[in-house]
Amino acid sequence: MKSLQKVIDFIDNNLNDTAYYLHEDMKKHTTFKTGGPADLLVEPQSISEMQKLMRYVFKKEIPYLVIGQGSNLIVSDKGIRELVVKIGTNLSQCAVNNETIEAEAGATIINVSKEAQKHSLTGLEFACGIPGSVGGAVFMNAGAYDGEIKNILEEVLVLTVNGDLLIRKAKELELGYRTSVMQRNGEIILKAKFKLQKGNKDDISQKMKELTQRREKSQPLEFPSAGSIFKRPEGYYTGKLIEDANLKGYKIGGAQVSPKHAGFIINTGNATSSDILNLIKHIQTEVRNRFGVELETEVRTVGEF
């Protein structure tokens, strides 16, 4: 906690608008609604304040974790002892310029898709139901319904591990299936520019409506979850593997394989992160034993274990 007190002192003395929270309940910051408290959670007010903060953190070698909307996170029930930096609503500006949209990393990708629709820009319809931030969507190369971030991304503004701001073109980011170079090089996404195309507003609205209806029909949106838990193994469909292993509806504590879509784990109301992690392990074991297929998770597990 000593190093975190230094962060608090630095914020008090140098960052006028950045908010911080002690012993912050991480249930409020993840879509699973589970996890213990973070010793210190900070929400920078601007890109410049983010840069100042992280330069200090890098210099002092303070352990940290950067999060967005928490739609791809499982936080330990014991919580998080390192500094948590949340890129959220304070960094969510979005601007349209001709056929490009530039959005800060804290903007939700759903809101950016709505902004595209409002300006008759096509290409982001697939993202109209993805529950995450722009930063998280780029970090994971998020995709749905035959669309992927890499197909529309032009460039990103990142904060390097030296504390410098740098523009990287999409081709530099090694975007693949749920992966990017940022998962390996530690760079923090602060802004993204998407290249779209002019389209018919009514057609765009209709496609978004159809995709939303498909999602509502097939996914358990009424429960807290982290979306698809597992990556799709080559040659298989994850949901079908889990269903064929007779695990649809299977429960451990308050965590359940969704009866609606077996690729989802849901929090039925009182799940702990341990319930979810134990259920993930059980699914992996059963699918491995029955079909010889290794299921790899999409979600990130963070915190003290």
C-alpha atoms as a PDB file:
ATOM      1  CA  MET A   1       0.000   0.000   0.000  1.00  0.00           C
ATOM      2  CA  LYS A   2       3.051   2.251   0.454  1.00  0.00           C
ATOM      3  CA  SER A   3       3.552   2.665  -3.291  1.00  0.00           C
ATOM      4  CA  LEU A   4      -0.169   3.357  -3.759  1.00  0.00           C
ATOM      5  CA  GLN A   5       0.029   6.172  -1.186  1.00  0.00           C
ATOM      6  CA  LYS A   6       2.735   7.705  -3.377  1.00  0.00           C
ATOM      7  CA  VAL A   7       0.296   7.570  -6.312  1.00  0.00           C
ATOM      8  CA  ILE A   8      -2.363   9.330  -4.225  1.00  0.00           C
ATOM      9  CA  ASP A   9       0.139  12.033  -3.226  1.00  0.00           C
ATOM     10  CA  PHE A  10       1.166  12.481  -6.854  1.00  0.00           C
ATOM     11  CA  ILE A  11      -2.460  12.854  -7.977  1.00  0.00           C
ATOM     12  CA  ASP A  12      -3.245  15.341  -5.168  1.00  0.00           C
ATOM     13  CA  ASN A  13      -0.233  17.477  -6.070  1.00  0.00           C
ATOM     14  CA  ASN A  14      -0.191  17.234  -9.872  1.00  0.00           C
ATOM     15  CA  LEU A  15      -3.517  16.131 -11.370  1.00  0.00           C
ATOM     16  CA  ASN A  16      -6.375  18.521 -10.735  1.00  0.00           C
ATOM     17  CA  ASP A  17      -9.261  16.573 -12.226  1.00  0.00           C
ATOM     18  CA  THR A  18      -8.310  12.900 -11.912  1.00  0.00           C
ATOM     19  CA  ALA A  19     -10.535  11.024  -9.467  1.00  0.00           C
ATOM     20  CA  TYR A  20      -9.398   8.143  -7.273  1.00  0.00           C
ATOM     21  CA  TYR A  21     -11.186   5.654  -5.033  1.00  0.00           C
ATOM     22  CA  LEU A  22      -9.843   3.607  -2.124  1.00  0.00           C
ATOM     23  CA  HIS A  23     -11.016   0.005  -1.533  1.00  0.00           C
ATOM     24  CA  GLU A  24     -13.201   0.252  -4.636  1.00  0.00           C
ATOM     25  CA  ASP A  25     -15.703  -2.564  -5.140  1.00  0.00           C
ATOM     26  CA  MET A  26     -14.799  -4.152  -8.484  1.00  0.00           C
ATOM     27  CA  LYS A  27     -18.294  -5.608  -8.825  1.00  0.00           C
ATOM     28  CA  LYS A  28     -19.219  -2.113 -10.026  1.00  0.00           C
ATOM     29  CA  HIS A  29     -16.583  -2.230 -12.773  1.00  0.00           C
ATOM     30  CA  THR A  30     -17.114  -5.634 -14.399  1.00  0.00           C
ATOM     31  CA  THR A  31     -20.014  -7.007 -16.410  1.00  0.00           C
ATOM     32  CA  PHE A  32     -19.842 -10.266 -14.409  1.00  0.00           C
ATOM     33  CA  LYS A  33     -20.603  -8.223 -11.244  1.00  0.00           C
ATOM     34  CA  THR A  34     -18.141 -10.270  -9.181  1.00  0.00           C
ATOM     35  CA  GLY A  35     -14.759  -9.725  -7.549  1.00  0.00           C
ATOM     36  CA  GLY A  36     -13.278  -8.145  -4.450  1.00  0.00           C
ATOM     37  CA  PRO A  37     -12.068  -4.577  -3.867  1.00  0.00           C
ATOM     38  CA  ALA A  38      -9.200  -2.784  -5.561  1.00  0.00           C
ATOM     39  CA  ASP A  39      -6.901  -1.037  -3.077  1.00  0.00           C
ATOM     40  CA  LEU A  40      -6.794   2.007  -5.368  1.00  0.00           C
ATOM     41  CA  LEU A  41      -8.731   2.732  -8.555  1.00  0.00           C
ATOM     42  CA  VAL A  42      -7.944   5.845 -10.579  1.00  0.00           C
ATOM     43  CA  GLU A  43      -9.970   7.407 -13.414  1.00  0.00           C
ATOM     44  CA  PRO A  44      -7.863   9.917 -15.379  1.00  0.00           C
ATOM     45  CA  GLN A  45      -9.802  12.927 -16.649  1.00  0.00           C
ATOM     46  CA  SER A  46      -7.934  13.388 -19.926  1.00  0.00           C
ATOM     47  CA  ILE A  47      -5.246  11.929 -22.148  1.00  0.00           C
ATOM     48  CA  SER A  48      -2.722  14.446 -20.834  1.00  0.00           C
ATOM     49  CA  GLU A  49      -3.483  13.514 -17.219  1.00  0.00           C
ATOM     50  CA  MET A  50      -3.319   9.823 -18.154  1.00  0.00           C
ATOM     51  CA  GLN A  51       0.130  10.408 -19.638  1.00  0.00           C
ATOM     52  CA  LYS A  52       1.360  12.283 -16.550  1.00  0.00           C
ATOM     53  CA  LEU A  53       0.031   9.592 -14.222  1.00  0.00           C
ATOM     54  CA  MET A  54       1.490   6.685 -16.158  1.00  0.00           C
ATOM     55  CA  ARG A  55       4.872   8.357 -16.574  1.00  0.00           C
ATOM     56  CA  TYR A  56       5.029   8.555 -12.793  1.00  0.00           C
ATOM     57  CA  VAL A  57       3.846   4.956 -12.401  1.00  0.00           C
ATOM     58  CA  PHE A  58       6.429   3.707 -14.939  1.00  0.00           C
ATOM     59  CA  LYS A  59       9.235   5.730 -13.324  1.00  0.00           C
ATOM     60  CA  LYS A  60       8.453   4.428  -9.834  1.00  0.00           C
ATOM     61  CA  GLU A  61       7.854   0.879 -11.165  1.00  0.00           C
ATOM     62  CA  ILE A  62       4.470   0.687  -9.453  1.00  0.00           C
ATOM     63  CA  PRO A  63       2.459  -2.434 -10.410  1.00  0.00           C
ATOM     64  CA  TYR A  64      -0.681  -1.472 -12.322  1.00  0.00           C
ATOM     65  CA  LEU A  65      -3.622  -2.809 -14.289  1.00  0.00           C
ATOM     66  CA  VAL A  66      -5.469  -0.869 -16.989  1.00  0.00           C
ATOM     67  CA  ILE A  67      -9.156  -1.686 -17.497  1.00  0.00           C
ATOM     68  CA  GLY A  68     -12.004  -0.403 -19.642  1.00  0.00           C
ATOM     69  CA  GLN A  69     -15.652  -1.402 -19.255  1.00  0.00           C
ATOM     70  CA  GLY A  70     -14.670  -4.671 -17.545  1.00  0.00           C
ATOM     71  CA  SER A  71     -16.623  -6.732 -20.073  1.00  0.00           C
ATOM     72  CA  ASN A  72     -13.811  -9.251 -20.484  1.00  0.00           C
ATOM     73  CA  LEU A  73     -12.568  -9.518 -16.901  1.00  0.00           C
ATOM     74  CA  ILE A  74     -12.866 -11.908 -13.995  1.00  0.00           C
ATOM     75  CA  VAL A  75     -11.572 -10.195 -10.845  1.00  0.00           C
ATOM     76  CA  SER A  76     -10.422 -12.371  -7.946  1.00  0.00           C
ATOM     77  CA  ASP A  77     -12.721 -12.529  -4.928  1.00  0.00           C
ATOM     78  CA  LYS A  78      -9.745 -11.298  -2.888  1.00  0.00           C
ATOM     79  CA  GLY A  79      -9.581  -8.194  -5.038  1.00  0.00           C
ATOM     80  CA  ILE A  80      -6.637  -6.346  -6.594  1.00  0.00           C
ATOM     81  CA  ARG A  81      -3.585  -5.108  -4.706  1.00  0.00           C
ATOM     82  CA  GLU A  82      -2.011  -3.199  -7.601  1.00  0.00           C
ATOM     83  CA  LEU A  83      -3.061   0.187  -8.943  1.00  0.00           C
ATOM     84  CA  VAL A  84      -6.140  -0.054 -11.198  1.00  0.00           C
ATOM     85  CA  VAL A  85      -6.379   2.609 -13.914  1.00  0.00           C
ATOM     86  CA  LYS A  86      -9.824   2.797 -15.477  1.00  0.00           C
ATOM     87  CA  ILE A  87     -10.246   4.303 -18.919  1.00  0.00           C
ATOM     88  CA  GLY A  88     -13.947   5.081 -18.800  1.00  0.00           C
ATOM     89  CA  THR A  89     -16.457   7.857 -19.337  1.00  0.00           C
ATOM     90  CA  ASN A  90     -13.871  10.590 -18.730  1.00  0.00           C
ATOM     91  CA  LEU A  91     -12.085   9.433 -21.887  1.00  0.00           C
ATOM     92  CA  SER A  92     -15.056   8.787 -24.150  1.00  0.00           C
ATOM     93  CA  GLN A  93     -15.086  11.630 -26.679  1.00  0.00           C
ATOM     94  CA  CYS A  94     -16.129  10.692 -30.211  1.00  0.00           C
ATOM     95  CA  ALA A  95     -15.791  12.805 -33.366  1.00  0.00           C
ATOM     96  CA  VAL A  96     -16.921  12.184 -36.955  1.00  0.00           C
ATOM     97  CA  ASN A  97     -14.942  13.600 -39.883  1.00  0.00           C
ATOM     98  CA  ASN A  98     -16.244  12.664 -43.329  1.00  0.00           C
ATOM     99  CA  GLU A  99     -15.941   8.869 -43.445  1.00  0.00           C
ATOM    100  CA  THR A 100     -13.820   8.444 -40.318  1.00  0.00           C
ATOM    101  CA  ILE A 101     -14.751   8.248 -36.655  1.00  0.00           C
ATOM    102  CA  GLU A 102     -12.175   9.008 -33.987  1.00  0.00           C
ATOM    103  CA  ALA A 103     -13.088   7.763 -30.526  1.00  0.00           C
ATOM    104  CA  GLU A 104     -11.270   7.835 -27.216  1.00  0.00           C
ATOM    105  CA  ALA A 105     -10.608   4.451 -25.635  1.00  0.00           C
ATOM    106  CA  GLY A 106     -13.229   4.841 -22.909  1.00  0.00           C
ATOM    107  CA  ALA A 107     -16.135   5.254 -25.322  1.00  0.00           C
ATOM    108  CA  THR A 108     -18.331   2.175 -25.617  1.00  0.00           C
ATOM    109  CA  ILE A 109     -18.122   0.494 -29.006  1.00  0.00           C
ATOM    110  CA  ILE A 110     -21.947   0.340 -28.984  1.00  0.00           C
ATOM    111  CA  ASN A 111     -22.162   4.134 -28.733  1.00  0.00           C
ATOM    112  CA  VAL A 112     -19.609   4.547 -31.517  1.00  0.00           C
ATOM    113  CA  SER A 113     -21.657   2.238 -33.764  1.00  0.00           C
ATOM    114  CA  LYS A 114     -24.709   4.414 -33.019  1.00  0.00           C
ATOM    115  CA  GLU A 115     -22.711   7.520 -33.911  1.00  0.00           C
ATOM    116  CA  ALA A 116     -21.780   5.900 -37.221  1.00  0.00           C
ATOM    117  CA  GLN A 117     -25.441   5.108 -37.896  1.00  0.00           C
ATOM    118  CA  LYS A 118     -26.434   8.692 -37.090  1.00  0.00           C
ATOM    119  CA  HIS A 119     -23.994   9.950 -39.755  1.00  0.00           C
ATOM    120  CA  SER A 120     -24.984   7.298 -42.355  1.00  0.00           C
ATOM    121  CA  LEU A 121     -21.635   5.501 -42.071  1.00  0.00           C
ATOM    122  CA  THR A 122     -21.540   1.745 -42.629  1.00  0.00           C
ATOM    123  CA  GLY A 123     -19.013  -0.801 -41.380  1.00  0.00           C
ATOM    124  CA  LEU A 124     -19.600  -0.763 -37.634  1.00  0.00           C
ATOM    125  CA  GLU A 125     -23.025  -2.413 -37.559  1.00  0.00           C
ATOM    126  CA  PHE A 126     -21.519  -5.693 -36.289  1.00  0.00           C
ATOM    127  CA  ALA A 127     -20.425  -3.913 -33.086  1.00  0.00           C
ATOM    128  CA  CYS A 128     -23.880  -2.613 -32.144  1.00  0.00           C
ATOM    129  CA  GLY A 129     -24.190  -5.174 -29.318  1.00  0.00           C
ATOM    130  CA  ILE A 130     -20.585  -5.738 -28.205  1.00  0.00           C
ATOM    131  CA  PRO A 131     -20.476  -4.793 -24.486  1.00  0.00           C
ATOM    132  CA  GLY A 132     -17.060  -3.188 -24.212  1.00  0.00           C
ATOM    133  CA  SER A 133     -14.987  -0.071 -24.718  1.00  0.00           C
ATOM    134  CA  VAL A 134     -13.173   1.061 -27.840  1.00  0.00           C
ATOM    135  CA  GLY A 135      -9.858   0.330 -26.136  1.00  0.00           C
ATOM    136  CA  GLY A 136     -10.943  -3.179 -25.181  1.00  0.00           C
ATOM    137  CA  ALA A 137     -12.391  -3.826 -28.631  1.00  0.00           C
ATOM    138  CA  VAL A 138      -9.084  -2.936 -30.296  1.00  0.00           C
ATOM    139  CA  PHE A 139      -7.027  -4.753 -27.638  1.00  0.00           C
ATOM    140  CA  MET A 140      -8.997  -7.965 -28.276  1.00  0.00           C
ATOM    141  CA  ASN A 141      -9.747  -7.329 -31.985  1.00  0.00           C
ATOM    142  CA  ALA A 142     -13.394  -7.799 -31.053  1.00  0.00           C
ATOM    143  CA  GLY A 143     -15.750  -9.274 -33.606  1.00  0.00           C
ATOM    144  CA  ALA A 144     -19.284 -10.510 -34.143  1.00  0.00           C
ATOM    145  CA  TYR A 145     -21.518 -11.543 -37.016  1.00  0.00           C
ATOM    146  CA  ASP A 146     -18.703 -11.755 -39.591  1.00  0.00           C
ATOM    147  CA  GLY A 147     -17.290  -8.357 -38.649  1.00  0.00           C
ATOM    148  CA  GLU A 148     -13.975  -7.567 -36.938  1.00  0.00           C
ATOM    149  CA  ILE A 149     -12.315  -4.418 -35.637  1.00  0.00           C
ATOM    150  CA  LYS A 150      -9.282  -5.024 -37.866  1.00  0.00           C
ATOM    151  CA  ASN A 151     -11.461  -4.605 -40.970  1.00  0.00           C
ATOM    152  CA  ILE A 152     -12.295  -0.978 -40.153  1.00  0.00           C
ATOM    153  CA  LEU A 153      -9.422   0.227 -37.947  1.00  0.00           C
ATOM    154  CA  GLU A 154      -7.127   2.818 -39.497  1.00  0.00           C
ATOM    155  CA  GLU A 155      -4.844   3.783 -36.603  1.00  0.00           C
ATOM    156  CA  VAL A 156      -4.577   4.109 -32.828  1.00  0.00           C
ATOM    157  CA  LEU A 157      -3.006   6.524 -30.393  1.00  0.00           C
ATOM    158  CA  VAL A 158      -1.087   4.582 -27.750  1.00  0.00           C
ATOM    159  CA  LEU A 159       0.889   5.368 -24.649  1.00  0.00           C
ATOM    160  CA  THR A 160       4.175   3.492 -24.811  1.00  0.00           C
ATOM    161  CA  VAL A 161       5.927   1.883 -21.849  1.00  0.00           C
ATOM    162  CA  ASN A 162       8.277   4.895 -21.924  1.00  0.00           C
ATOM    163  CA  GLY A 163       5.336   7.232 -21.391  1.00  0.00           C
ATOM    164  CA  ASP A 164       5.345   8.634 -24.921  1.00  0.00           C
ATOM    165  CA  LEU A 165       2.291   9.166 -27.134  1.00  0.00           C
ATOM    166  CA  LEU A 166       2.592   7.371 -30.457  1.00  0.00           C
ATOM    167  CA  ILE A 167       0.310   6.816 -33.442  1.00  0.00           C
ATOM    168  CA  ARG A 168       0.376   3.261 -34.751  1.00  0.00           C
ATOM    169  CA  LYS A 169      -1.178   2.221 -38.043  1.00  0.00           C
ATOM    170  CA  ALA A 170      -3.519  -0.768 -37.947  1.00  0.00           C
ATOM    171  CA  LYS A 171      -1.067  -2.906 -39.949  1.00  0.00           C
ATOM    172  CA  GLU A 172       1.462  -2.558 -37.092  1.00  0.00           C
ATOM    173  CA  LEU A 173      -0.901  -3.988 -34.500  1.00  0.00           C
ATOM    174  CA  GLU A 174      -0.792  -7.683 -35.514  1.00  0.00           C
ATOM    175  CA  LEU A 175      -4.558  -7.967 -35.174  1.00  0.00           C
ATOM    176  CA  GLY A 176      -5.713 -11.580 -35.245  1.00  0.00           C
ATOM    177  CA  TYR A 177      -8.441 -13.707 -33.724  1.00  0.00           C
ATOM    178  CA  ARG A 178      -8.998 -12.036 -30.329  1.00  0.00           C
ATOM    179  CA  THR A 179      -5.412 -10.845 -30.241  1.00  0.00           C
ATOM    180  CA  SER A 180      -3.229  -7.798 -30.864  1.00  0.00           C
ATOM    181  CA  VAL A 181       0.361  -6.725 -30.301  1.00  0.00           C
ATOM    182  CA  MET A 182      -0.792  -4.585 -27.333  1.00  0.00           C
ATOM    183  CA  GLN A 183      -1.420  -7.780 -25.386  1.00  0.00           C
ATOM    184  CA  ARG A 184       2.324  -8.397 -25.583  1.00  0.00           C
ATOM    185  CA  ASN A 185       4.074  -5.012 -25.690  1.00  0.00           C
ATOM    186  CA  GLY A 186       2.293  -3.249 -22.821  1.00  0.00           C
ATOM    187  CA  GLU A 187       1.203  -0.235 -24.851  1.00  0.00           C
ATOM    188  CA  ILE A 188      -2.025   1.405 -23.685  1.00  0.00           C
ATOM    189  CA  ILE A 189      -4.677   2.316 -26.260  1.00  0.00           C
ATOM    190  CA  LEU A 190      -5.966   5.868 -25.777  1.00  0.00           C
ATOM    191  CA  LYS A 191      -7.798   6.583 -29.026  1.00  0.00           C
ATOM    192  CA  ALA A 192      -8.794   4.778 -32.227  1.00  0.00           C
ATOM    193  CA  LYS A 193      -9.652   5.980 -35.716  1.00  0.00           C
ATOM    194  CA  PHE A 194     -12.068   3.907 -37.784  1.00  0.00           C
ATOM    195  CA  LYS A 195     -12.385   4.151 -41.563  1.00  0.00           C
ATOM    196  CA  LEU A 196     -15.982   3.588 -42.649  1.00  0.00           C
ATOM    197  CA  GLN A 197     -18.008   4.132 -45.820  1.00  0.00           C
ATOM    198  CA  LYS A 198     -20.990   6.255 -46.703  1.00  0.00           C
ATOM    199  CA  GLY A 199     -24.175   4.214 -46.661  1.00  0.00           C
ATOM    200  CA  ASN A 200     -27.931   4.456 -46.506  1.00  0.00           C
ATOM    201  CA  LYS A 201     -29.070   5.415 -43.013  1.00  0.00           C
ATOM    202  CA  ASP A 202     -32.231   3.304 -43.153  1.00  0.00           C
ATOM    203  CA  ASP A 203     -30.279   0.246 -44.363  1.00  0.00           C
ATOM    204  CA  ILE A 204     -27.731   0.678 -41.577  1.00  0.00           C
ATOM    205  CA  SER A 205     -30.502   1.053 -38.980  1.00  0.00           C
ATOM    206  CA  GLN A 206     -32.271  -2.045 -40.286  1.00  0.00           C
ATOM    207  CA  LYS A 207     -29.099  -4.149 -40.137  1.00  0.00           C
ATOM    208  CA  MET A 208     -28.401  -3.020 -36.570  1.00  0.00           C
ATOM    209  CA  LYS A 209     -31.990  -3.820 -35.623  1.00  0.00           C
ATOM    210  CA  GLU A 210     -31.718  -7.319 -37.140  1.00  0.00           C
ATOM    211  CA  LEU A 211     -28.407  -8.027 -35.379  1.00  0.00           C
ATOM    212  CA  THR A 212     -29.833  -6.805 -32.070  1.00  0.00           C
ATOM    213  CA  GLN A 213     -32.844  -9.089 -32.454  1.00  0.00           C
ATOM    214  CA  ARG A 214     -30.571 -12.050 -33.266  1.00  0.00           C
ATOM    215  CA  ARG A 215     -28.477 -11.297 -30.213  1.00  0.00           C
ATOM    216  CA  GLU A 216     -31.498 -10.936 -27.910  1.00  0.00           C
ATOM    217  CA  LYS A 217     -32.949 -14.187 -29.201  1.00  0.00           C
ATOM    218  CA  SER A 218     -29.781 -16.256 -28.856  1.00  0.00           C
ATOM    219  CA  GLN A 219     -27.850 -14.720 -25.935  1.00  0.00           C
ATOM    220  CA  PRO A 220     -28.626 -14.444 -22.188  1.00  0.00           C
ATOM    221  CA  LEU A 221     -28.484 -10.649 -22.063  1.00  0.00           C
ATOM    222  CA  GLU A 222     -30.731 -10.513 -19.009  1.00  0.00           C
ATOM    223  CA  PHE A 223     -27.931 -11.904 -16.785  1.00  0.00           C
ATOM    224  CA  PRO A 224     -24.476 -10.553 -15.902  1.00  0.00           C
ATOM    225  CA  SER A 225     -21.837 -12.269 -18.043  1.00  0.00           C
ATOM    226  CA  ALA A 226     -18.646 -11.602 -19.959  1.00  0.00           C
ATOM    227  CA  GLY A 227     -20.004 -12.614 -23.349  1.00  0.00           C
ATOM    228  CA  SER A 228     -18.315 -15.595 -24.973  1.00  0.00           C
ATOM    229  CA  ILE A 229     -16.055 -17.209 -22.390  1.00  0.00           C
ATOM    230  CA  PHE A 230     -13.976 -19.343 -24.762  1.00  0.00           C
ATOM    231  CA  LYS A 231     -12.238 -18.761 -28.056  1.00  0.00           C
ATOM    232  CA  ARG A 232     -13.609 -20.828 -30.920  1.00  0.00           C
ATOM    233  CA  PRO A 233     -11.371 -23.898 -31.480  1.00  0.00           C
ATOM    234  CA  GLU A 234     -10.492 -24.428 -35.117  1.00  0.00           C
ATOM    235  CA  GLY A 235     -13.031 -26.697 -36.770  1.00  0.00           C
ATOM    236  CA  TYR A 236     -15.534 -26.565 -33.895  1.00  0.00           C
ATOM    237  CA  TYR A 237     -18.263 -24.412 -32.399  1.00  0.00           C
ATOM    238  CA  THR A 238     -17.673 -23.819 -28.697  1.00  0.00           C
ATOM    239  CA  GLY A 239     -21.336 -23.725 -27.703  1.00  0.00           C
ATOM    240  CA  LYS A 240     -22.029 -27.034 -29.443  1.00  0.00           C
ATOM    241  CA  LEU A 241     -19.050 -28.735 -27.783  1.00  0.00           C
ATOM    242  CA  ILE A 242     -20.260 -27.644 -24.358  1.00  0.00           C
ATOM    243  CA  GLU A 243     -23.841 -28.621 -25.122  1.00  0.00           C
ATOM    244  CA  ASP A 244     -22.745 -32.034 -26.472  1.00  0.00           C
ATOM    245  CA  ALA A 245     -20.866 -32.533 -23.192  1.00  0.00           C
ATOM    246  CA  ASN A 246     -24.274 -32.237 -21.474  1.00  0.00           C
ATOM    247  CA  LEU A 247     -23.230 -29.074 -19.653  1.00  0.00           C
ATOM    248  CA  LYS A 248     -25.953 -26.678 -20.789  1.00  0.00           C
ATOM    249  CA  GLY A 249     -27.510 -25.332 -17.609  1.00  0.00           C
ATOM    250  CA  TYR A 250     -24.783 -26.857 -15.391  1.00  0.00           C
ATOM    251  CA  LYS A 251     -24.201 -24.838 -12.207  1.00  0.00           C
ATOM    252  CA  ILE A 252     -21.471 -24.326  -9.662  1.00  0.00           C
ATOM    253  CA  GLY A 253     -22.663 -21.994  -6.911  1.00  0.00           C
ATOM    254  CA  GLY A 254     -24.231 -18.982  -8.574  1.00  0.00           C
ATOM    255  CA  ALA A 255     -22.405 -19.489 -11.877  1.00  0.00           C
ATOM    256  CA  GLN A 256     -24.220 -21.341 -14.647  1.00  0.00           C
ATOM    257  CA  VAL A 257     -23.657 -22.430 -18.221  1.00  0.00           C
ATOM    258  CA  SER A 258     -26.428 -20.464 -19.887  1.00  0.00           C
ATOM    259  CA  PRO A 259     -29.445 -22.600 -20.810  1.00  0.00           C
ATOM    260  CA  LYS A 260     -29.918 -20.187 -23.702  1.00  0.00           C
ATOM    261  CA  HIS A 261     -26.394 -20.299 -25.183  1.00  0.00           C
ATOM    262  CA  ALA A 262     -23.832 -22.805 -23.890  1.00  0.00           C
ATOM    263  CA  GLY A 263     -20.919 -20.551 -24.901  1.00  0.00           C
ATOM    264  CA  PHE A 264     -21.905 -18.140 -22.122  1.00  0.00           C
ATOM    265  CA  ILE A 265     -21.446 -18.405 -18.378  1.00  0.00           C
ATOM    266  CA  ILE A 266     -23.917 -16.276 -16.439  1.00  0.00           C
ATOM    267  CA  ASN A 267     -24.087 -14.925 -12.909  1.00  0.00           C
ATOM    268  CA  THR A 268     -27.523 -16.053 -11.739  1.00  0.00           C
ATOM    269  CA  GLY A 269     -27.451 -13.527  -8.906  1.00  0.00           C
ATOM    270  CA  ASN A 270     -25.002 -14.553  -6.204  1.00  0.00           C
ATOM    271  CA  ALA A 271     -22.014 -15.989  -8.090  1.00  0.00           C
ATOM    272  CA  THR A 272     -18.478 -15.448  -6.902  1.00  0.00           C
ATOM    273  CA  SER A 273     -15.481 -15.258  -9.194  1.00  0.00           C
ATOM    274  CA  SER A 274     -14.386 -18.599  -7.741  1.00  0.00           C
ATOM    275  CA  ASP A 275     -17.703 -20.137  -8.856  1.00  0.00           C
ATOM    276  CA  ILE A 276     -17.084 -18.855 -12.383  1.00  0.00           C
ATOM    277  CA  LEU A 277     -13.464 -20.018 -12.507  1.00  0.00           C
ATOM    278  CA  ASN A 278     -14.368 -23.458 -11.140  1.00  0.00           C
ATOM    279  CA  LEU A 279     -17.096 -23.764 -13.755  1.00  0.00           C
ATOM    280  CA  ILE A 280     -14.643 -22.791 -16.505  1.00  0.00           C
ATOM    281  CA  LYS A 281     -12.212 -25.494 -15.344  1.00  0.00           C
ATOM    282  CA  HIS A 282     -15.003 -28.079 -15.206  1.00  0.00           C
ATOM    283  CA  ILE A 283     -16.091 -27.242 -18.754  1.00  0.00           C
ATOM    284  CA  GLN A 284     -12.507 -27.438 -20.024  1.00  0.00           C
ATOM    285  CA  THR A 285     -11.982 -30.812 -18.351  1.00  0.00           C
ATOM    286  CA  GLU A 286     -15.234 -32.315 -19.632  1.00  0.00           C
ATOM    287  CA  VAL A 287     -14.727 -31.113 -23.219  1.00  0.00           C
ATOM    288  CA  ARG A 288     -11.105 -32.313 -23.187  1.00  0.00           C
ATOM    289  CA  ASN A 289     -12.060 -35.741 -21.831  1.00  0.00           C
ATOM    290  CA  ARG A 290     -14.974 -36.259 -24.216  1.00  0.00           C
ATOM    291  CA  PHE A 291     -13.711 -34.697 -27.436  1.00  0.00           C
ATOM    292  CA  GLY A 292      -9.976 -34.132 -27.012  1.00  0.00           C
ATOM    293  CA  VAL A 293     -10.419 -30.411 -27.600  1.00  0.00           C
ATOM    294  CA  GLU A 294      -8.678 -27.761 -25.516  1.00  0.00           C
ATOM    295  CA  LEU A 295     -10.874 -24.735 -24.811  1.00  0.00           C
ATOM    296  CA  GLU A 296      -8.913 -21.520 -24.368  1.00  0.00           C
ATOM    297  CA  THR A 297     -10.539 -18.614 -22.539  1.00  0.00           C
ATOM    298  CA  GLU A 298     -11.174 -15.194 -24.059  1.00  0.00           C
ATOM    299  CA  VAL A 299     -11.618 -13.560 -20.661  1.00  0.00           C
ATOM    300  CA  ARG A 300      -8.744 -12.206 -18.575  1.00  0.00           C
ATOM    301  CA  THR A 301      -8.386 -13.214 -14.924  1.00  0.00           C
ATOM    302  CA  VAL A 302      -6.860 -10.542 -12.690  1.00  0.00           C
ATOM    303  CA  GLY A 303      -6.220  -9.829  -9.028  1.00  0.00           C
ATOM    304  CA  GLU A 304      -4.837 -11.599  -5.969  1.00  0.00           C
ATOM    305  CA  PHE A 305      -5.065 -15.389  -5.908  1.00  0.00           C
END
